[in-house]
C-alpha atoms as a PDB file:
ATOM      1  CA  UNK A   1      13.414 -25.842  98.660  1.00  0.00           C
ATOM      2  CA  UNK A   2      14.652 -29.378  97.952  1.00  0.00           C
ATOM      3  CA  UNK A   3      12.427 -30.750 100.699  1.00  0.00           C
ATOM      4  CA  UNK A   4       9.400 -28.998  99.210  1.00  0.00           C
ATOM      5  CA  UNK A   5      10.259 -30.313  95.743  1.00  0.00           C
ATOM      6  CA  UNK A   6      10.613 -33.824  97.171  1.00  0.00           C
ATOM      7  CA  UNK A   7       7.244 -33.675  98.945  1.00  0.00           C
ATOM      8  CA  UNK A   8       5.297 -32.138  96.068  1.00  0.00           C
ATOM      9  CA  UNK A   9       7.196 -34.078  93.407  1.00  0.00           C
ATOM     10  CA  UNK A  10       6.160 -37.374  94.980  1.00  0.00           C
ATOM     11  CA  UNK A  11       2.467 -36.494  94.610  1.00  0.00           C
ATOM     12  CA  UNK A  12       0.790 -38.081  91.577  1.00  0.00           C
ATOM     13  CA  UNK A  13      -1.491 -35.104  90.934  1.00  0.00           C
ATOM     14  CA  UNK A  14       0.022 -31.616  91.079  1.00  0.00           C
ATOM     15  CA  UNK A  15      -2.222 -28.599  90.971  1.00  0.00           C
ATOM     16  CA  UNK A  16      -1.051 -25.142  90.045  1.00  0.00           C
ATOM     17  CA  UNK A  17      -2.116 -23.695  93.397  1.00  0.00           C
ATOM     18  CA  UNK A  18       0.339 -25.978  95.206  1.00  0.00           C
ATOM     19  CA  UNK A  19       3.184 -24.819  92.987  1.00  0.00           C
ATOM     20  CA  UNK A  20       2.717 -21.075  93.584  1.00  0.00           C
ATOM     21  CA  UNK A  21       4.571 -20.959  96.945  1.00  0.00           C
ATOM     22  CA  UNK A  22       7.803 -22.275  95.445  1.00  0.00           C
ATOM     23  CA  UNK A  23       7.960 -20.010  92.365  1.00  0.00           C
ATOM     24  CA  UNK A  24       9.871 -17.165  94.095  1.00  0.00           C
ATOM     25  CA  UNK A  25      12.492 -19.590  95.439  1.00  0.00           C
ATOM     26  CA  UNK A  26      12.848 -21.214  92.033  1.00  0.00           C
ATOM     27  CA  UNK A  27      13.420 -17.793  90.480  1.00  0.00           C
ATOM     28  CA  UNK A  28      16.105 -16.935  93.040  1.00  0.00           C
ATOM     29  CA  UNK A  29      17.816 -20.304  92.555  1.00  0.00           C
ATOM     30  CA  UNK A  30      17.707 -20.017  88.768  1.00  0.00           C
ATOM     31  CA  UNK A  31      19.071 -16.467  88.833  1.00  0.00           C
ATOM     32  CA  UNK A  32      21.969 -17.602  91.027  1.00  0.00           C
ATOM     33  CA  UNK A  33      22.631 -20.454  88.583  1.00  0.00           C
ATOM     34  CA  UNK A  34      22.543 -18.022  85.685  1.00  0.00           C
ATOM     35  CA  UNK A  35      25.036 -15.694  87.377  1.00  0.00           C
ATOM     36  CA  UNK A  36      27.350 -18.610  88.113  1.00  0.00           C
ATOM     37  CA  UNK A  37      26.991 -19.989  84.569  1.00  0.00           C
ATOM     38  CA  UNK A  38      27.868 -16.573  83.133  1.00  0.00           C
ATOM     39  CA  UNK A  39      30.958 -16.409  85.342  1.00  0.00           C
ATOM     40  CA  UNK A  40      32.041 -19.907  84.286  1.00  0.00           C
ATOM     41  CA  UNK A  41      31.418 -19.170  80.593  1.00  0.00           C
ATOM     42  CA  UNK A  42      33.394 -15.928  80.850  1.00  0.00           C
ATOM     43  CA  UNK A  43      36.282 -17.805  82.444  1.00  0.00           C
ATOM     44  CA  UNK A  44      36.167 -20.535  79.798  1.00  0.00           C
ATOM     45  CA  UNK A  45      36.109 -18.057  76.926  1.00  0.00           C
ATOM     46  CA  UNK A  46      39.046 -16.190  78.474  1.00  0.00           C
ATOM     47  CA  UNK A  47      41.033 -19.415  78.749  1.00  0.00           C
ATOM     48  CA  UNK A  48      40.120 -20.445  75.210  1.00  0.00           C
ATOM     49  CA  UNK A  49      41.180 -17.064  73.830  1.00  0.00           C
ATOM     50  CA  UNK A  50      44.590 -17.338  75.523  1.00  0.00           C
ATOM     51  CA  UNK A  51      45.251 -20.683  73.817  1.00  0.00           C
ATOM     52  CA  UNK A  52      44.751 -19.327  70.313  1.00  0.00           C
ATOM     53  CA  UNK A  53      47.542 -17.771  68.291  1.00  0.00           C
ATOM     54  CA  UNK A  54      45.543 -14.847  66.844  1.00  0.00           C
ATOM     55  CA  UNK A  55      45.192 -11.827  69.076  1.00  0.00           C
ATOM     56  CA  UNK A  56      42.637 -12.560  71.762  1.00  0.00           C
ATOM     57  CA  UNK A  57      39.324 -10.767  71.839  1.00  0.00           C
ATOM     58  CA  UNK A  58      38.896  -7.973  74.303  1.00  0.00           C
ATOM     59  CA  UNK A  59      37.487  -8.724  77.733  1.00  0.00           C
ATOM     60  CA  UNK A  60      34.205  -6.996  76.871  1.00  0.00           C
ATOM     61  CA  UNK A  61      33.835  -9.167  73.751  1.00  0.00           C
ATOM     62  CA  UNK A  62      34.422 -12.339  75.767  1.00  0.00           C
ATOM     63  CA  UNK A  63      31.921 -11.152  78.361  1.00  0.00           C
ATOM     64  CA  UNK A  64      29.395 -10.416  75.611  1.00  0.00           C
ATOM     65  CA  UNK A  65      29.830 -13.953  74.254  1.00  0.00           C
ATOM     66  CA  UNK A  66      29.307 -15.423  77.713  1.00  0.00           C
ATOM     67  CA  UNK A  67      26.200 -13.302  78.219  1.00  0.00           C
ATOM     68  CA  UNK A  68      24.865 -14.402  74.840  1.00  0.00           C
ATOM     69  CA  UNK A  69      25.453 -18.052  75.706  1.00  0.00           C
ATOM     70  CA  UNK A  70      23.687 -17.586  79.030  1.00  0.00           C
ATOM     71  CA  UNK A  71      20.826 -15.666  77.403  1.00  0.00           C
ATOM     72  CA  UNK A  72      19.955 -18.620  75.180  1.00  0.00           C
ATOM     73  CA  UNK A  73      18.552 -20.751  78.046  1.00  0.00           C
ATOM     74  CA  UNK A  74      16.676 -17.717  79.363  1.00  0.00           C
ATOM     75  CA  UNK A  75      15.096 -17.179  75.939  1.00  0.00           C
ATOM     76  CA  UNK A  76      14.182 -20.857  75.743  1.00  0.00           C
ATOM     77  CA  UNK A  77      12.560 -20.724  79.171  1.00  0.00           C
ATOM     78  CA  UNK A  78      10.685 -17.554  78.220  1.00  0.00           C
ATOM     79  CA  UNK A  79       9.381 -19.202  75.042  1.00  0.00           C
ATOM     80  CA  UNK A  80       8.270 -22.284  76.979  1.00  0.00           C
ATOM     81  CA  UNK A  81       6.588 -20.128  79.615  1.00  0.00           C
ATOM     82  CA  UNK A  82       4.754 -18.141  76.976  1.00  0.00           C
ATOM     83  CA  UNK A  83       3.612 -21.308  75.224  1.00  0.00           C
ATOM     84  CA  UNK A  84       2.364 -22.680  78.547  1.00  0.00           C
ATOM     85  CA  UNK A  85       0.413 -19.490  79.207  1.00  0.00           C
ATOM     86  CA  UNK A  86      -1.145 -19.652  75.752  1.00  0.00           C
ATOM     87  CA  UNK A  87      -2.013 -23.335  76.257  1.00  0.00           C
ATOM     88  CA  UNK A  88      -3.622 -22.630  79.638  1.00  0.00           C
ATOM     89  CA  UNK A  89      -5.705 -19.872  78.123  1.00  0.00           C
ATOM     90  CA  UNK A  90      -6.672 -21.968  75.117  1.00  0.00           C
ATOM     91  CA  UNK A  91      -7.473 -25.265  76.827  1.00  0.00           C
ATOM     92  CA  UNK A  92      -9.000 -24.009  80.081  1.00  0.00           C
ATOM     93  CA  UNK A  93     -11.217 -21.271  78.668  1.00  0.00           C
ATOM     94  CA  UNK A  94     -14.300 -23.515  78.414  1.00  0.00           C
ATOM     95  CA  UNK A  95     -16.117 -22.077  81.469  1.00  0.00           C
ATOM     96  CA  UNK A  96     -15.741 -18.550  80.114  1.00  0.00           C
ATOM     97  CA  UNK A  97     -17.034 -19.597  76.709  1.00  0.00           C
ATOM     98  CA  UNK A  98     -19.897 -21.550  78.249  1.00  0.00           C
ATOM     99  CA  UNK A  99     -21.078 -18.696  80.462  1.00  0.00           C
ATOM    100  CA  UNK A 100     -20.789 -16.274  77.553  1.00  0.00           C
ATOM    101  CA  UNK A 101     -23.035 -18.486  75.445  1.00  0.00           C
ATOM    102  CA  UNK A 102     -25.369 -18.981  78.399  1.00  0.00           C
ATOM    103  CA  UNK A 103     -25.714 -15.222  78.734  1.00  0.00           C
ATOM    104  CA  UNK A 104     -26.495 -14.963  75.025  1.00  0.00           C
ATOM    105  CA  UNK A 105     -29.080 -17.738  75.407  1.00  0.00           C
ATOM    106  CA  UNK A 106     -30.692 -16.021  78.403  1.00  0.00           C
ATOM    107  CA  UNK A 107     -30.882 -12.735  76.495  1.00  0.00           C
ATOM    108  CA  UNK A 108     -32.379 -14.480  73.443  1.00  0.00           C
ATOM    109  CA  UNK A 109     -35.047 -16.241  75.528  1.00  0.00           C
ATOM    110  CA  UNK A 110     -36.063 -13.205  77.562  1.00  0.00           C
ATOM    111  CA  UNK A 111     -39.533 -13.595  78.975  1.00  0.00           C
ATOM    112  CA  UNK A 112     -39.417 -17.367  78.523  1.00  0.00           C
ATOM    113  CA  UNK A 113     -38.730 -20.069  81.048  1.00  0.00           C
ATOM    114  CA  UNK A 114     -35.860 -19.505  83.478  1.00  0.00           C
ATOM    115  CA  UNK A 115     -32.641 -21.296  82.557  1.00  0.00           C
ATOM    116  CA  UNK A 116     -31.296 -23.711  85.149  1.00  0.00           C
ATOM    117  CA  UNK A 117     -27.555 -24.320  85.281  1.00  0.00           C
ATOM    118  CA  UNK A 118     -25.821 -26.987  87.309  1.00  0.00           C
ATOM    119  CA  UNK A 119     -22.299 -25.726  87.990  1.00  0.00           C
ATOM    120  CA  UNK A 120     -21.209 -28.244  90.530  1.00  0.00           C
END
């Protein structure tokens, strides 16, 4: 995975189609990081609760805190992914809009001259 990231990362122009093969590996690596981060956060919250004088929170409460702290980056990534999807749809929809208007133009000029389109 690191070799692929090095090769593709060194390219000045990255296209989406070249990134598709690595997405499953990135998901596996990020899920393993998330599991490890949750374990570390659970351990840290357990240690922090033992240092306090008030009665420590139950193990399930500490685990819930760790899961909440690890869910924040996941929510941030989900929001960024959604915004990227919306941006792709918004800024790369020109061909769909153009061909829709072209169809409307062809219907409006029925019986007239044929419409030539250069799509190259």
